[in-house]
Amino acid sequence: PVDLVRLSYDDAIRRFTMTGQNDKLNLLKHRN
């Protein structure tokens, strides 16, 4: 299954940081 989940901005940043997905971090870095 591919589920759509809602996370807070801080939680999304934390998850992408843990998994090393820097491209996603760069997209979120300039948004809040």
ModelCIF file with pLDDT and N, C-alpha, C, O atoms, coordinates in Angstrom:
data_MODEL
#
_entry.id   MODEL 
#
_entity.id                         1 
_entity.type                       polymer 
_entity.pdbx_number_of_molecules   1 
#
_entity_poly.entity_id                      1 
_entity_poly.type                           'polypeptide(L)' 
_entity_poly.nstd_linkage                   no 
_entity_poly.nstd_monomer                   no 
_entity_poly.pdbx_seq_one_letter_code       PVDLVRLSYDDAIRRFTMTGQNDKLNLLKHRN 
_entity_poly.pdbx_seq_one_letter_code_can   PVDLVRLSYDDAIRRFTMTGQNDKLNLLKHRN 
_entity_poly.pdbx_strand_id                 A 
#
loop_
_entity_poly_seq.entity_id 
_entity_poly_seq.num 
_entity_poly_seq.mon_id 
_entity_poly_seq.hetero 
1 1  PRO n 
1 2  VAL n 
1 3  ASP n 
1 4  LEU n 
1 5  VAL n 
1 6  ARG n 
1 7  LEU n 
1 8  SER n 
1 9  TYR n 
1 10 ASP n 
1 11 ASP n 
1 12 ALA n 
1 13 ILE n 
1 14 ARG n 
1 15 ARG n 
1 16 PHE n 
1 17 THR n 
1 18 MET n 
1 19 THR n 
1 20 GLY n 
1 21 GLN n 
1 22 ASN n 
1 23 ASP n 
1 24 LYS n 
1 25 LEU n 
1 26 ASN n 
1 27 LEU n 
1 28 LEU n 
1 29 LYS n 
1 30 HIS n 
1 31 ARG n 
1 32 ASN n 
#
_struct_asym.id          A 
_struct_asym.entity_id   1 
#
loop_
_ma_qa_metric.id 
_ma_qa_metric.mode 
_ma_qa_metric.name 
_ma_qa_metric.software_group_id 
_ma_qa_metric.type 
1 global pLDDT . pLDDT 
2 local  pLDDT . pLDDT 
#
_ma_qa_metric_global.metric_id      1 
_ma_qa_metric_global.metric_value   81.53 
_ma_qa_metric_global.model_id       1 
_ma_qa_metric_global.ordinal_id     1 
#
loop_
_ma_qa_metric_local.label_asym_id 
_ma_qa_metric_local.label_comp_id 
_ma_qa_metric_local.label_seq_id 
_ma_qa_metric_local.metric_id 
_ma_qa_metric_local.metric_value 
_ma_qa_metric_local.model_id 
_ma_qa_metric_local.ordinal_id 
A PRO 1  2 95.00 1 1  
A VAL 2  2 94.00 1 2  
A ASP 3  2 90.00 1 3  
A LEU 4  2 87.00 1 4  
A VAL 5  2 87.00 1 5  
A ARG 6  2 88.00 1 6  
A LEU 7  2 86.00 1 7  
A SER 8  2 89.00 1 8  
A TYR 9  2 85.00 1 9  
A ASP 10 2 86.00 1 10 
A ASP 11 2 87.00 1 11 
A ALA 12 2 85.00 1 12 
A ILE 13 2 84.00 1 13 
A ARG 14 2 86.00 1 14 
A ARG 15 2 84.00 1 15 
A PHE 16 2 82.00 1 16 
A THR 17 2 82.00 1 17 
A MET 18 2 81.00 1 18 
A THR 19 2 77.00 1 19 
A GLY 20 2 75.00 1 20 
A GLN 21 2 76.00 1 21 
A ASN 22 2 74.00 1 22 
A ASP 23 2 74.00 1 23 
A LYS 24 2 77.00 1 24 
A LEU 25 2 76.00 1 25 
A ASN 26 2 75.00 1 26 
A LEU 27 2 76.00 1 27 
A LEU 28 2 78.00 1 28 
A LYS 29 2 74.00 1 29 
A HIS 30 2 73.00 1 30 
A ARG 31 2 73.00 1 31 
A ASN 32 2 73.00 1 32 
#
loop_
_atom_site.group_PDB 
_atom_site.id 
_atom_site.type_symbol 
_atom_site.label_atom_id 
_atom_site.label_alt_id 
_atom_site.label_comp_id 
_atom_site.label_asym_id 
_atom_site.label_entity_id 
_atom_site.label_seq_id 
_atom_site.pdbx_PDB_ins_code 
_atom_site.Cartn_x 
_atom_site.Cartn_y 
_atom_site.Cartn_z 
_atom_site.occupancy 
_atom_site.B_iso_or_equiv 
_atom_site.pdbx_formal_charge 
_atom_site.auth_seq_id 
_atom_site.auth_comp_id 
_atom_site.auth_asym_id 
_atom_site.auth_atom_id 
_atom_site.pdbx_PDB_model_num 
ATOM 1   N N  . PRO A 1 1  ? 0.829  -1.208 0.000  1.00 95.00 ? 1  PRO A N  1 
ATOM 2   C CA . PRO A 1 1  ? 0.000  0.000  0.000  1.00 95.00 ? 1  PRO A CA 1 
ATOM 3   C C  . PRO A 1 1  ? 0.864  1.258  0.000  1.00 95.00 ? 1  PRO A C  1 
ATOM 4   O O  . PRO A 1 1  ? 1.938  1.290  0.601  1.00 95.00 ? 1  PRO A O  1 
ATOM 5   N N  . VAL A 1 2  ? 0.383  2.279  -0.675 1.00 94.00 ? 2  VAL A N  1 
ATOM 6   C CA . VAL A 1 2  ? 1.027  3.595  -0.665 1.00 94.00 ? 2  VAL A CA 1 
ATOM 7   C C  . VAL A 1 2  ? 0.055  4.547  0.025  1.00 94.00 ? 2  VAL A C  1 
ATOM 8   O O  . VAL A 1 2  ? -0.967 4.924  -0.548 1.00 94.00 ? 2  VAL A O  1 
ATOM 9   N N  . ASP A 1 3  ? 0.372  4.926  1.236  1.00 90.00 ? 3  ASP A N  1 
ATOM 10  C CA . ASP A 1 3  ? -0.522 5.755  2.041  1.00 90.00 ? 3  ASP A CA 1 
ATOM 11  C C  . ASP A 1 3  ? -0.056 7.204  2.032  1.00 90.00 ? 3  ASP A C  1 
ATOM 12  O O  . ASP A 1 3  ? 1.142  7.485  2.009  1.00 90.00 ? 3  ASP A O  1 
ATOM 13  N N  . LEU A 1 4  ? -1.012 8.111  2.049  1.00 87.00 ? 4  LEU A N  1 
ATOM 14  C CA . LEU A 1 4  ? -0.704 9.525  2.192  1.00 87.00 ? 4  LEU A CA 1 
ATOM 15  C C  . LEU A 1 4  ? -0.809 9.879  3.669  1.00 87.00 ? 4  LEU A C  1 
ATOM 16  O O  . LEU A 1 4  ? -1.874 9.733  4.270  1.00 87.00 ? 4  LEU A O  1 
ATOM 17  N N  . VAL A 1 5  ? 0.283  10.339 4.251  1.00 87.00 ? 5  VAL A N  1 
ATOM 18  C CA . VAL A 1 5  ? 0.317  10.649 5.675  1.00 87.00 ? 5  VAL A CA 1 
ATOM 19  C C  . VAL A 1 5  ? 0.615  12.137 5.862  1.00 87.00 ? 5  VAL A C  1 
ATOM 20  O O  . VAL A 1 5  ? 1.324  12.749 5.064  1.00 87.00 ? 5  VAL A O  1 
ATOM 21  N N  . ARG A 1 6  ? 0.069  12.691 6.912  1.00 88.00 ? 6  ARG A N  1 
ATOM 22  C CA . ARG A 1 6  ? 0.296  14.100 7.232  1.00 88.00 ? 6  ARG A CA 1 
ATOM 23  C C  . ARG A 1 6  ? 1.221  14.200 8.438  1.00 88.00 ? 6  ARG A C  1 
ATOM 24  O O  . ARG A 1 6  ? 0.945  13.620 9.488  1.00 88.00 ? 6  ARG A O  1 
ATOM 25  N N  . LEU A 1 7  ? 2.303  14.926 8.288  1.00 86.00 ? 7  LEU A N  1 
ATOM 26  C CA . LEU A 1 7  ? 3.240  15.143 9.382  1.00 86.00 ? 7  LEU A CA 1 
ATOM 27  C C  . LEU A 1 7  ? 3.405  16.641 9.599  1.00 86.00 ? 7  LEU A C  1 
ATOM 28  O O  . LEU A 1 7  ? 3.204  17.441 8.685  1.00 86.00 ? 7  LEU A O  1 
ATOM 29  N N  . SER A 1 8  ? 3.770  17.003 10.812 1.00 89.00 ? 8  SER A N  1 
ATOM 30  C CA . SER A 1 8  ? 4.134  18.393 11.046 1.00 89.00 ? 8  SER A CA 1 
ATOM 31  C C  . SER A 1 8  ? 5.409  18.703 10.276 1.00 89.00 ? 8  SER A C  1 
ATOM 32  O O  . SER A 1 8  ? 6.151  17.795 9.902  1.00 89.00 ? 8  SER A O  1 
ATOM 33  N N  . TYR A 1 9  ? 5.661  19.970 10.043 1.00 85.00 ? 9  TYR A N  1 
ATOM 34  C CA . TYR A 1 9  ? 6.866  20.376 9.320  1.00 85.00 ? 9  TYR A CA 1 
ATOM 35  C C  . TYR A 1 9  ? 8.123  19.848 10.021 1.00 85.00 ? 9  TYR A C  1 
ATOM 36  O O  . TYR A 1 9  ? 9.026  19.318 9.374  1.00 85.00 ? 9  TYR A O  1 
ATOM 37  N N  . ASP A 1 10 ? 8.172  19.998 11.342 1.00 86.00 ? 10 ASP A N  1 
ATOM 38  C CA . ASP A 1 10 ? 9.348  19.539 12.099 1.00 86.00 ? 10 ASP A CA 1 
ATOM 39  C C  . ASP A 1 10 ? 9.534  18.037 11.997 1.00 86.00 ? 10 ASP A C  1 
ATOM 40  O O  . ASP A 1 10 ? 10.660 17.555 11.869 1.00 86.00 ? 10 ASP A O  1 
ATOM 41  N N  . ASP A 1 11 ? 8.411  17.275 12.055 1.00 87.00 ? 11 ASP A N  1 
ATOM 42  C CA . ASP A 1 11 ? 8.516  15.820 11.957 1.00 87.00 ? 11 ASP A CA 1 
ATOM 43  C C  . ASP A 1 11 ? 8.991  15.395 10.565 1.00 87.00 ? 11 ASP A C  1 
ATOM 44  O O  . ASP A 1 11 ? 9.781  14.459 10.439 1.00 87.00 ? 11 ASP A O  1 
ATOM 45  N N  . ALA A 1 12 ? 8.508  16.088 9.506  1.00 85.00 ? 12 ALA A N  1 
ATOM 46  C CA . ALA A 1 12 ? 8.945  15.754 8.145  1.00 85.00 ? 12 ALA A CA 1 
ATOM 47  C C  . ALA A 1 12 ? 10.439 16.024 7.981  1.00 85.00 ? 12 ALA A C  1 
ATOM 48  O O  . ALA A 1 12 ? 11.153 15.222 7.378  1.00 85.00 ? 12 ALA A O  1 
ATOM 49  N N  . ILE A 1 13 ? 10.917 17.160 8.519  1.00 84.00 ? 13 ILE A N  1 
ATOM 50  C CA . ILE A 1 13 ? 12.347 17.479 8.458  1.00 84.00 ? 13 ILE A CA 1 
ATOM 51  C C  . ILE A 1 13 ? 13.153 16.412 9.192  1.00 84.00 ? 13 ILE A C  1 
ATOM 52  O O  . ILE A 1 13 ? 14.207 15.985 8.721  1.00 84.00 ? 13 ILE A O  1 
ATOM 53  N N  . ARG A 1 14 ? 12.652 15.989 10.338 1.00 86.00 ? 14 ARG A N  1 
ATOM 54  C CA . ARG A 1 14 ? 13.363 14.995 11.146 1.00 86.00 ? 14 ARG A CA 1 
ATOM 55  C C  . ARG A 1 14 ? 13.458 13.652 10.401 1.00 86.00 ? 14 ARG A C  1 
ATOM 56  O O  . ARG A 1 14 ? 14.507 13.009 10.404 1.00 86.00 ? 14 ARG A O  1 
ATOM 57  N N  . ARG A 1 15 ? 12.355 13.238 9.764  1.00 84.00 ? 15 ARG A N  1 
ATOM 58  C CA . ARG A 1 15 ? 12.352 11.959 9.061  1.00 84.00 ? 15 ARG A CA 1 
ATOM 59  C C  . ARG A 1 15 ? 13.309 11.984 7.868  1.00 84.00 ? 15 ARG A C  1 
ATOM 60  O O  . ARG A 1 15 ? 14.062 11.031 7.667  1.00 84.00 ? 15 ARG A O  1 
ATOM 61  N N  . PHE A 1 16 ? 13.292 13.049 7.081  1.00 82.00 ? 16 PHE A N  1 
ATOM 62  C CA . PHE A 1 16 ? 14.166 13.134 5.915  1.00 82.00 ? 16 PHE A CA 1 
ATOM 63  C C  . PHE A 1 16 ? 15.638 13.252 6.334  1.00 82.00 ? 16 PHE A C  1 
ATOM 64  O O  . PHE A 1 16 ? 16.531 12.780 5.631  1.00 82.00 ? 16 PHE A O  1 
ATOM 65  N N  . THR A 1 17 ? 15.876 13.884 7.481  1.00 82.00 ? 17 THR A N  1 
ATOM 66  C CA . THR A 1 17 ? 17.246 13.976 7.989  1.00 82.00 ? 17 THR A CA 1 
ATOM 67  C C  . THR A 1 17 ? 17.749 12.593 8.390  1.00 82.00 ? 17 THR A C  1 
ATOM 68  O O  . THR A 1 17 ? 18.895 12.244 8.104  1.00 82.00 ? 17 THR A O  1 
ATOM 69  N N  . MET A 1 18 ? 16.903 11.804 9.048  1.00 81.00 ? 18 MET A N  1 
ATOM 70  C CA . MET A 1 18 ? 17.273 10.466 9.488  1.00 81.00 ? 18 MET A CA 1 
ATOM 71  C C  . MET A 1 18 ? 17.587 9.551  8.303  1.00 81.00 ? 18 MET A C  1 
ATOM 72  O O  . MET A 1 18 ? 18.495 8.723  8.376  1.00 81.00 ? 18 MET A O  1 
ATOM 73  N N  . THR A 1 19 ? 16.820 9.706  7.197  1.00 77.00 ? 19 THR A N  1 
ATOM 74  C CA . THR A 1 19 ? 17.000 8.820  6.046  1.00 77.00 ? 19 THR A CA 1 
ATOM 75  C C  . THR A 1 19 ? 17.997 9.383  5.038  1.00 77.00 ? 19 THR A C  1 
ATOM 76  O O  . THR A 1 19 ? 18.260 8.744  4.019  1.00 77.00 ? 19 THR A O  1 
ATOM 77  N N  . GLY A 1 20 ? 18.559 10.562 5.298  1.00 75.00 ? 20 GLY A N  1 
ATOM 78  C CA . GLY A 1 20 ? 19.555 11.131 4.404  1.00 75.00 ? 20 GLY A CA 1 
ATOM 79  C C  . GLY A 1 20 ? 19.003 11.590 3.073  1.00 75.00 ? 20 GLY A C  1 
ATOM 80  O O  . GLY A 1 20 ? 19.751 11.657 2.098  1.00 75.00 ? 20 GLY A O  1 
ATOM 81  N N  . GLN A 1 21 ? 17.706 11.911 2.994  1.00 76.00 ? 21 GLN A N  1 
ATOM 82  C CA . GLN A 1 21 ? 17.101 12.361 1.739  1.00 76.00 ? 21 GLN A CA 1 
ATOM 83  C C  . GLN A 1 21 ? 17.273 13.885 1.621  1.00 76.00 ? 21 GLN A C  1 
ATOM 84  O O  . GLN A 1 21 ? 16.338 14.654 1.839  1.00 76.00 ? 21 GLN A O  1 
ATOM 85  N N  . ASN A 1 22 ? 18.488 14.285 1.274  1.00 74.00 ? 22 ASN A N  1 
ATOM 86  C CA . ASN A 1 22 ? 18.836 15.704 1.284  1.00 74.00 ? 22 ASN A CA 1 
ATOM 87  C C  . ASN A 1 22 ? 18.090 16.509 0.232  1.00 74.00 ? 22 ASN A C  1 
ATOM 88  O O  . ASN A 1 22 ? 17.836 17.698 0.428  1.00 74.00 ? 22 ASN A O  1 
ATOM 89  N N  . ASP A 1 23 ? 17.732 15.871 -0.895 1.00 74.00 ? 23 ASP A N  1 
ATOM 90  C CA . ASP A 1 23 ? 16.994 16.604 -1.916 1.00 74.00 ? 23 ASP A CA 1 
ATOM 91  C C  . ASP A 1 23 ? 15.629 17.038 -1.394 1.00 74.00 ? 23 ASP A C  1 
ATOM 92  O O  . ASP A 1 23 ? 15.161 18.134 -1.704 1.00 74.00 ? 23 ASP A O  1 
ATOM 93  N N  . LYS A 1 24 ? 14.992 16.177 -0.602 1.00 77.00 ? 24 LYS A N  1 
ATOM 94  C CA . LYS A 1 24 ? 13.694 16.538 -0.012 1.00 77.00 ? 24 LYS A CA 1 
ATOM 95  C C  . LYS A 1 24 ? 13.870 17.616 1.058  1.00 77.00 ? 24 LYS A C  1 
ATOM 96  O O  . LYS A 1 24 ? 13.040 18.515 1.191  1.00 77.00 ? 24 LYS A O  1 
ATOM 97  N N  . LEU A 1 25 ? 14.958 17.515 1.814  1.00 76.00 ? 25 LEU A N  1 
ATOM 98  C CA . LEU A 1 25 ? 15.242 18.540 2.818  1.00 76.00 ? 25 LEU A CA 1 
ATOM 99  C C  . LEU A 1 25 ? 15.414 19.909 2.166  1.00 76.00 ? 25 LEU A C  1 
ATOM 100 O O  . LEU A 1 25 ? 14.939 20.915 2.693  1.00 76.00 ? 25 LEU A O  1 
ATOM 101 N N  . ASN A 1 26 ? 16.097 19.947 1.011  1.00 75.00 ? 26 ASN A N  1 
ATOM 102 C CA . ASN A 1 26 ? 16.306 21.213 0.319  1.00 75.00 ? 26 ASN A CA 1 
ATOM 103 C C  . ASN A 1 26 ? 14.998 21.824 -0.145 1.00 75.00 ? 26 ASN A C  1 
ATOM 104 O O  . ASN A 1 26 ? 14.842 23.045 -0.141 1.00 75.00 ? 26 ASN A O  1 
ATOM 105 N N  . LEU A 1 27 ? 14.042 20.963 -0.553 1.00 76.00 ? 27 LEU A N  1 
ATOM 106 C CA . LEU A 1 27 ? 12.745 21.481 -0.993 1.00 76.00 ? 27 LEU A CA 1 
ATOM 107 C C  . LEU A 1 27 ? 11.957 22.073 0.171  1.00 76.00 ? 27 LEU A C  1 
ATOM 108 O O  . LEU A 1 27 ? 11.261 23.076 0.014  1.00 76.00 ? 27 LEU A O  1 
ATOM 109 N N  . LEU A 1 28 ? 12.074 21.439 1.348  1.00 78.00 ? 28 LEU A N  1 
ATOM 110 C CA . LEU A 1 28 ? 11.313 21.906 2.509  1.00 78.00 ? 28 LEU A CA 1 
ATOM 111 C C  . LEU A 1 28 ? 12.017 23.029 3.268  1.00 78.00 ? 28 LEU A C  1 
ATOM 112 O O  . LEU A 1 28 ? 11.391 23.761 4.035  1.00 78.00 ? 28 LEU A O  1 
ATOM 113 N N  . LYS A 1 29 ? 13.322 23.155 3.046  1.00 74.00 ? 29 LYS A N  1 
ATOM 114 C CA . LYS A 1 29 ? 14.129 24.086 3.827  1.00 74.00 ? 29 LYS A CA 1 
ATOM 115 C C  . LYS A 1 29 ? 13.633 25.518 3.724  1.00 74.00 ? 29 LYS A C  1 
ATOM 116 O O  . LYS A 1 29 ? 13.716 26.276 4.690  1.00 74.00 ? 29 LYS A O  1 
ATOM 117 N N  . HIS A 1 30 ? 13.120 25.890 2.566  1.00 73.00 ? 30 HIS A N  1 
ATOM 118 C CA . HIS A 1 30 ? 12.706 27.270 2.332  1.00 73.00 ? 30 HIS A CA 1 
ATOM 119 C C  . HIS A 1 30 ? 11.197 27.446 2.417  1.00 73.00 ? 30 HIS A C  1 
ATOM 120 O O  . HIS A 1 30 ? 10.646 28.433 1.930  1.00 73.00 ? 30 HIS A O  1 
ATOM 121 N N  . ARG A 1 31 ? 10.542 26.486 3.037  1.00 73.00 ? 31 ARG A N  1 
ATOM 122 C CA . ARG A 1 31 ? 9.104  26.573 3.293  1.00 73.00 ? 31 ARG A CA 1 
ATOM 123 C C  . ARG A 1 31 ? 8.879  26.291 4.776  1.00 73.00 ? 31 ARG A C  1 
ATOM 124 O O  . ARG A 1 31 ? 9.756  25.758 5.456  1.00 73.00 ? 31 ARG A O  1 
ATOM 125 N N  . ASN A 1 32 ? 7.707  26.649 5.263  1.00 73.00 ? 32 ASN A N  1 
ATOM 126 C CA . ASN A 1 32 ? 7.387  26.322 6.642  1.00 73.00 ? 32 ASN A CA 1 
ATOM 127 C C  . ASN A 1 32 ? 5.887  26.102 6.786  1.00 73.00 ? 32 ASN A C  1 
ATOM 128 O O  . ASN A 1 32 ? 5.408  25.813 7.882  1.00 73.00 ? 32 ASN A O  1 
#
